[in-house]
Protein backbone atom coordinates (compact mmCIF):
# COMPACT_ATOMS: atom_id res chain seq x y z
CA UNK A 1 0.00 0.00 0.00
CA UNK A 2 1.28 3.47 -0.83
CA UNK A 3 2.08 5.76 2.08
CA UNK A 4 0.57 9.21 2.37
CA UNK A 5 4.04 10.59 1.63
CA UNK A 6 4.33 8.62 -1.61
CA UNK A 7 0.92 9.86 -2.71
CA UNK A 8 1.89 13.43 -1.83
CA UNK A 9 4.99 12.97 -3.98
CA UNK A 10 2.76 11.97 -6.88
CA UNK A 11 0.66 15.08 -6.32
CA UNK A 12 3.74 17.30 -6.30
CA UNK A 13 5.00 15.71 -9.52
CA UNK A 14 1.64 16.17 -11.22
CA UNK A 15 1.48 19.85 -10.27
CA UNK A 16 5.03 20.46 -11.49
CA UNK A 17 4.18 18.90 -14.87
CA UNK A 18 1.09 21.12 -15.09
CA UNK A 19 3.18 24.20 -14.29
CA UNK A 20 5.94 23.42 -16.81
CA UNK A 21 4.45 21.31 -19.59
CA UNK A 22 7.10 18.67 -18.93
CA UNK A 23 8.44 16.61 -16.03
CA UNK A 24 10.92 18.09 -13.56
CA UNK A 25 14.25 16.42 -12.98
CA UNK A 26 14.34 14.08 -10.00
CA UNK A 27 16.58 16.61 -8.22
CA UNK A 28 13.98 19.34 -8.80
CA UNK A 29 11.18 17.09 -7.58
CA UNK A 30 13.17 16.16 -4.48
CA UNK A 31 13.82 19.83 -3.71
CA UNK A 32 10.14 20.76 -4.08
CA UNK A 33 9.08 17.81 -1.93
CA UNK A 34 11.78 18.42 0.69
CA UNK A 35 13.11 14.86 0.33
CA UNK A 36 16.54 13.49 -0.39
CA UNK A 37 17.26 12.33 -3.91
CA UNK A 38 17.44 8.69 -2.76
CA UNK A 39 14.08 8.94 -0.97
CA UNK A 40 12.49 10.57 -4.03
CA UNK A 41 13.79 7.87 -6.37
CA UNK A 42 12.51 5.17 -4.01
CA UNK A 43 9.12 6.88 -3.85
CA UNK A 44 8.86 7.09 -7.63
CA UNK A 45 9.66 3.40 -7.88
CA UNK A 46 6.94 2.54 -5.36
CA UNK A 47 4.45 4.67 -7.30
CA UNK A 48 5.39 2.83 -10.48
CA UNK A 49 5.05 -0.56 -8.78
CA UNK A 50 1.59 0.46 -7.51
CA UNK A 51 0.46 1.55 -11.01
CA UNK A 52 0.18 5.17 -9.84
CA UNK A 53 2.47 6.31 -12.68
CA UNK A 54 4.70 4.76 -15.33
CA UNK A 55 8.49 5.05 -15.40
CA UNK A 56 10.68 4.48 -18.43
CA UNK A 57 12.05 0.91 -18.46
CA UNK A 58 15.16 0.47 -16.31
CA UNK A 59 14.91 4.11 -15.24
CA UNK A 60 13.46 6.38 -12.56
CA UNK A 61 12.40 8.90 -15.23
CA UNK A 62 8.60 9.38 -15.48
CA UNK A 63 7.07 8.31 -18.80
CA UNK A 64 3.34 8.75 -18.11
CA UNK A 65 1.84 10.52 -15.10
CA UNK A 66 -1.84 10.36 -15.94
CA UNK A 67 -3.38 12.40 -17.38
CA UNK A 68 -0.04 13.73 -18.68
CA UNK A 69 2.18 11.90 -21.18
CA UNK A 70 5.83 12.90 -21.08
CA UNK A 71 6.92 11.81 -24.53
CA UNK A 72 5.28 12.47 -27.93
CA UNK A 73 1.89 10.76 -28.06
CA UNK A 74 -1.39 10.64 -29.92
CA UNK A 75 -2.98 13.85 -28.57
CA UNK A 76 -1.80 17.43 -28.17
CA UNK A 77 -3.64 19.59 -25.65
CA UNK A 78 -3.28 23.32 -26.30
CA UNK A 79 -4.31 25.81 -23.60
CA UNK A 80 -3.91 29.57 -23.45
CA UNK A 81 -0.66 29.07 -21.59
CA UNK A 82 1.07 25.76 -22.27
CA UNK A 83 0.67 22.63 -24.34
CA UNK A 84 0.73 19.03 -23.15
CA UNK A 85 0.91 15.54 -24.59
CA UNK A 86 -1.77 13.02 -23.67
CA UNK A 87 -1.80 9.30 -24.42
CA UNK A 88 -5.44 9.30 -25.54
CA UNK A 89 -8.45 11.59 -25.83
CA UNK A 90 -9.69 10.55 -22.38
CA UNK A 91 -6.42 11.73 -20.83
CA UNK A 92 -6.49 14.87 -23.01
CA UNK A 93 -9.91 15.71 -21.61
CA UNK A 94 -8.49 14.85 -18.18
CA UNK A 95 -5.78 17.48 -18.60
CA UNK A 96 -8.39 20.12 -19.41
CA UNK A 97 -10.44 18.98 -16.41
CA UNK A 98 -7.45 19.02 -14.05
CA UNK A 99 -6.38 22.48 -15.23
CA UNK A 100 -9.95 23.78 -15.19
CA UNK A 101 -9.43 25.67 -18.44
CA UNK A 102 -10.46 25.82 -22.06
CA UNK A 103 -8.44 23.53 -24.29
CA UNK A 104 -8.13 22.50 -27.93
CA UNK A 105 -7.15 18.87 -28.51
CA UNK A 106 -5.59 17.74 -31.76
CA UNK A 107 -5.62 14.03 -32.55
CA UNK A 108 -6.56 11.61 -35.37
CA UNK A 109 -9.55 9.42 -36.12
CA UNK A 110 -8.57 5.88 -35.16
CA UNK A 111 -4.98 7.04 -34.77
CA UNK A 112 -4.74 7.02 -38.56
CA UNK A 113 -4.63 9.68 -41.26
CA UNK A 114 -7.62 11.92 -40.62
CA UNK A 115 -6.87 14.80 -38.26
CA UNK A 116 -9.62 15.91 -35.90
CA UNK A 117 -9.94 18.61 -33.25
CA UNK A 118 -12.03 18.59 -30.07
CA UNK A 119 -12.57 21.64 -27.90
CA UNK A 120 -13.42 22.21 -24.26
CA UNK A 121 -15.03 25.59 -23.77
CA UNK A 122 -16.57 26.99 -20.61
CA UNK A 123 -16.44 23.66 -18.81
CA UNK A 124 -18.14 21.66 -21.57
CA UNK A 125 -17.14 19.68 -24.63
CA UNK A 126 -18.21 21.34 -27.87
CA UNK A 127 -21.01 19.45 -29.59
CA UNK A 128 -20.08 16.62 -31.95
CA UNK A 129 -21.60 13.31 -33.00
CA UNK A 130 -18.19 11.59 -32.87
CA UNK A 131 -17.71 8.73 -30.42
CA UNK A 132 -14.84 7.37 -28.33
CA UNK A 133 -14.07 3.66 -28.51
CA UNK A 134 -12.05 1.82 -25.85
CA UNK A 135 -10.72 -1.53 -27.05
CA UNK A 136 -8.85 -2.79 -23.96
CA UNK A 137 -10.98 -3.68 -20.90
CA UNK A 138 -10.23 -2.05 -17.57
CA UNK A 139 -8.81 -5.16 -15.89
CA UNK A 140 -6.09 -5.31 -18.57
CA UNK A 141 -5.12 -1.64 -18.71
CA UNK A 142 -1.98 -1.95 -16.59
CA UNK A 143 -0.81 -5.14 -18.30
CA UNK A 144 0.54 -2.67 -20.88
CA UNK A 145 -0.80 0.79 -20.22
CA UNK A 146 0.88 2.31 -23.29
CA UNK A 147 -0.90 -0.17 -25.57
CA UNK A 148 -4.16 0.24 -23.67
CA UNK A 149 -4.17 4.01 -24.14
CA UNK A 150 -3.22 3.59 -27.81
CA UNK A 151 -6.23 1.32 -28.28
CA UNK A 152 -8.58 4.11 -27.14
CA UNK A 153 -9.47 6.20 -30.19
CA UNK A 154 -12.13 8.61 -31.49
CA UNK A 155 -14.31 7.74 -34.48
CA UNK A 156 -17.10 9.41 -36.38
CA UNK A 157 -19.49 6.56 -35.54
CA UNK A 158 -19.65 3.04 -34.11
CA UNK A 159 -19.59 1.50 -37.56
CA UNK A 160 -16.20 3.08 -38.17
CA UNK A 161 -14.92 1.71 -34.87
CA UNK A 162 -16.07 -1.81 -35.79
CA UNK A 163 -14.30 -1.67 -39.15
CA UNK A 164 -11.15 -0.36 -37.43
CA UNK A 165 -11.19 -3.16 -34.85
CA UNK A 166 -11.51 -5.78 -37.60
CA UNK A 167 -8.75 -4.20 -39.70
CA UNK A 168 -6.29 -4.13 -36.80
CA UNK A 169 -7.43 -7.39 -35.13
CA UNK A 170 -8.36 -5.56 -31.93
CA UNK A 171 -11.36 -6.41 -29.75
CA UNK A 172 -14.51 -4.35 -29.81
CA UNK A 173 -14.95 -2.77 -26.42
CA UNK A 174 -16.88 0.12 -24.89
CA UNK A 175 -18.24 3.22 -26.64
CA UNK A 176 -18.83 6.65 -25.12
CA UNK A 177 -20.23 9.79 -26.67
CA UNK A 178 -17.86 12.75 -26.53
CA UNK A 179 -20.00 14.54 -23.89
CA UNK A 180 -20.06 11.34 -21.80
CA UNK A 181 -16.30 10.99 -22.14
CA UNK A 182 -15.84 14.59 -20.97
CA UNK A 183 -18.13 14.06 -17.97
CA UNK A 184 -16.21 10.91 -17.01
CA UNK A 185 -12.79 12.57 -17.42
CA UNK A 186 -13.91 15.62 -15.45
CA UNK A 187 -15.12 13.42 -12.58
CA UNK A 188 -11.94 11.32 -12.54
CA UNK A 189 -9.32 14.05 -13.02
CA UNK A 190 -11.03 17.26 -11.92
CA UNK A 191 -9.38 17.42 -8.48
CA UNK A 192 -5.92 16.20 -9.45
CA UNK A 193 -4.19 19.57 -9.06
CA UNK A 194 -6.24 21.11 -6.25
CA UNK A 195 -6.72 18.28 -3.76
CA UNK A 196 -4.25 15.93 -2.07
CA UNK A 197 -3.56 13.21 -4.64
CA UNK A 198 -4.80 9.83 -3.46
CA UNK A 199 -4.85 6.62 -5.46
CA UNK A 200 -8.41 5.35 -5.71
CA UNK A 201 -9.18 1.90 -4.42
CA UNK A 202 -10.81 -0.59 -6.77
CA UNK A 203 -14.08 -0.02 -4.93
CA UNK A 204 -13.83 3.75 -5.32
CA UNK A 205 -13.04 3.43 -9.02
CA UNK A 206 -15.98 1.09 -9.56
CA UNK A 207 -18.28 3.52 -7.76
CA UNK A 208 -17.10 6.34 -10.02
CA UNK A 209 -17.70 4.16 -13.08
CA UNK A 210 -21.20 3.39 -11.81
CA UNK A 211 -22.00 7.10 -11.46
CA UNK A 212 -21.53 7.32 -15.22
CA UNK A 213 -23.47 4.16 -16.03
CA UNK A 214 -20.28 2.21 -16.75
CA UNK A 215 -21.31 -1.10 -15.19
CA UNK A 216 -20.82 -3.63 -18.01
CA UNK A 217 -18.24 -6.40 -17.72
CA UNK A 218 -15.76 -4.24 -19.67
CA UNK A 219 -15.47 -1.86 -16.69
CA UNK A 220 -14.84 -4.47 -13.98
CA UNK A 221 -11.50 -4.23 -12.22
């Protein structure tokens, strides 16, 4: 189980990424947290082991600190101040929710050729009939979280998602409207920068899913 200190370290790291648009060095994180470098590195490793963030292989360098991606990825989130990478549209919406600001998200339909833009304005997702398809079920997300996020893509309709799944030999999963995706992301990530960061238990996550009607087998942890 993660200590309160480890979870506070995660919160500090998340806020520093939000402030800068990129991850701090471990030395900078240690200084902000008031920890030694060795204690900070050990804390980051525990957070990685607990699936609270993802480190680069054989490294203590953060790779993904949800909702932020720290290397080039499928979505670019532009705000009035900074820009951020996100591993999928759900995380991109999560960045806007965490920051509490308007944002313009650039990505591609099905991760393929067609560019598409989604906007958050005044606390709401601009109207669109596009949908968001999640191929990898929740219980498998952390088996390979990079692949899981990559398998979450926007489409113009469910028919397009089905064709895409068949073409790439990926399973059909769950479908959310763009407004539903925004509501879910806002609920999950909205307090990430303003409240003490705490890793949700499986029961807490399932309760949040249920608030959004996400109760099918796909969403079971």
